[in-house]
């Protein structure tokens, strides 16, 4: 899956506020598939008005809040629309 970065956004931007539901992924995290190809790791989903729903992958990549934060800082957060998020802004957006 190729991601086209249109521009980076912050949690307070209009685009972030207007989405009904968005899936988020971590790119460049060092995760590879069975073929050794780099892959996106699904972080979770945010739907309008609901808290962020994290996908813990059976604790494969992270199991605590501190390991989750370290994992997110190890890569680039992108949403399904191809927008790249600033890491600290995403952490505020996703962990509120």
Protein backbone atom coordinates (compact mmCIF):
# COMPACT_ATOMS: atom_id res chain seq x y z
CA UNK A 1 0.00 0.00 0.00
CA UNK A 2 1.55 3.27 -1.08
CA UNK A 3 0.80 6.40 0.91
CA UNK A 4 0.77 9.76 -0.80
CA UNK A 5 1.49 12.52 1.70
CA UNK A 6 -0.54 15.56 0.78
CA UNK A 7 0.49 17.58 3.80
CA UNK A 8 0.99 17.13 7.51
CA UNK A 9 -1.77 18.01 9.96
CA UNK A 10 -2.16 18.70 13.65
CA UNK A 11 -4.96 17.58 15.93
CA UNK A 12 -6.49 21.06 15.98
CA UNK A 13 -6.69 21.46 12.20
CA UNK A 14 -10.09 21.62 10.51
CA UNK A 15 -9.38 18.37 8.64
CA UNK A 16 -8.81 16.54 11.93
CA UNK A 17 -12.04 17.92 13.38
CA UNK A 18 -14.22 17.16 10.38
CA UNK A 19 -13.57 13.46 9.88
CA UNK A 20 -16.38 11.08 10.81
CA UNK A 21 -14.10 8.11 11.33
CA UNK A 22 -10.45 7.64 10.48
CA UNK A 23 -8.02 4.71 10.67
CA UNK A 24 -4.41 5.40 11.69
CA UNK A 25 -1.24 3.48 10.87
CA UNK A 26 2.45 3.61 11.77
CA UNK A 27 4.87 3.68 8.85
CA UNK A 28 8.64 3.00 9.05
CA UNK A 29 8.28 1.17 12.36
CA UNK A 30 10.62 -1.66 11.38
CA UNK A 31 7.70 -4.08 11.07
CA UNK A 32 7.93 -6.47 8.13
CA UNK A 33 5.59 -9.10 6.73
CA UNK A 34 6.51 -12.77 6.18
CA UNK A 35 8.23 -11.78 2.93
CA UNK A 36 10.44 -9.20 4.61
CA UNK A 37 8.52 -6.29 3.06
CA UNK A 38 7.99 -3.21 5.22
CA UNK A 39 4.38 -2.79 6.25
CA UNK A 40 2.07 -0.34 7.95
CA UNK A 41 1.02 -1.23 11.47
CA UNK A 42 -2.61 -0.46 12.24
CA UNK A 43 -2.80 1.72 15.37
CA UNK A 44 -6.55 2.13 15.67
CA UNK A 45 -9.54 4.27 14.77
CA UNK A 46 -11.09 7.51 15.87
CA UNK A 47 -14.74 8.13 15.11
CA UNK A 48 -16.44 11.49 15.60
CA UNK A 49 -17.21 12.02 19.29
CA UNK A 50 -15.76 8.69 20.45
CA UNK A 51 -12.48 8.00 22.24
CA UNK A 52 -9.65 6.57 20.15
CA UNK A 53 -9.94 2.77 19.82
CA UNK A 54 -6.43 1.25 19.98
CA UNK A 55 -5.51 -2.05 18.34
CA UNK A 56 -3.05 -3.82 20.63
CA UNK A 57 -2.14 -6.67 18.23
CA UNK A 58 -2.08 -9.15 21.13
CA UNK A 59 0.80 -7.13 22.65
CA UNK A 60 3.07 -7.82 19.64
CA UNK A 61 4.31 -4.22 19.29
CA UNK A 62 3.38 -2.67 22.63
CA UNK A 63 1.67 -3.67 25.85
CA UNK A 64 1.88 -0.61 28.10
CA UNK A 65 1.28 3.08 27.59
CA UNK A 66 5.02 3.83 27.72
CA UNK A 67 5.86 1.12 25.16
CA UNK A 68 3.00 2.39 22.96
CA UNK A 69 4.39 5.94 23.04
CA UNK A 70 7.91 4.66 22.25
CA UNK A 71 6.53 2.57 19.37
CA UNK A 72 4.67 5.55 17.89
CA UNK A 73 7.79 7.71 18.16
CA UNK A 74 9.74 5.06 16.22
CA UNK A 75 7.85 5.75 12.99
CA UNK A 76 5.56 8.09 11.11
CA UNK A 77 1.83 8.22 11.84
CA UNK A 78 -0.39 8.34 8.76
CA UNK A 79 -4.15 8.15 8.36
CA UNK A 80 -6.07 6.30 5.68
CA UNK A 81 -6.30 9.46 3.61
CA UNK A 82 -2.52 9.55 3.34
CA UNK A 83 -2.04 12.48 5.67
CA UNK A 84 1.03 12.46 7.87
CA UNK A 85 0.58 13.45 11.52
CA UNK A 86 3.16 15.16 13.70
CA UNK A 87 3.98 12.53 16.34
CA UNK A 88 3.38 14.62 19.45
CA UNK A 89 0.17 16.04 18.02
CA UNK A 90 -1.10 12.53 17.28
CA UNK A 91 -0.25 11.39 20.80
CA UNK A 92 -2.37 14.24 22.17
CA UNK A 93 -5.14 13.42 19.69
CA UNK A 94 -5.07 9.65 20.20
CA UNK A 95 -4.51 9.40 23.92
CA UNK A 96 -6.99 11.95 25.22
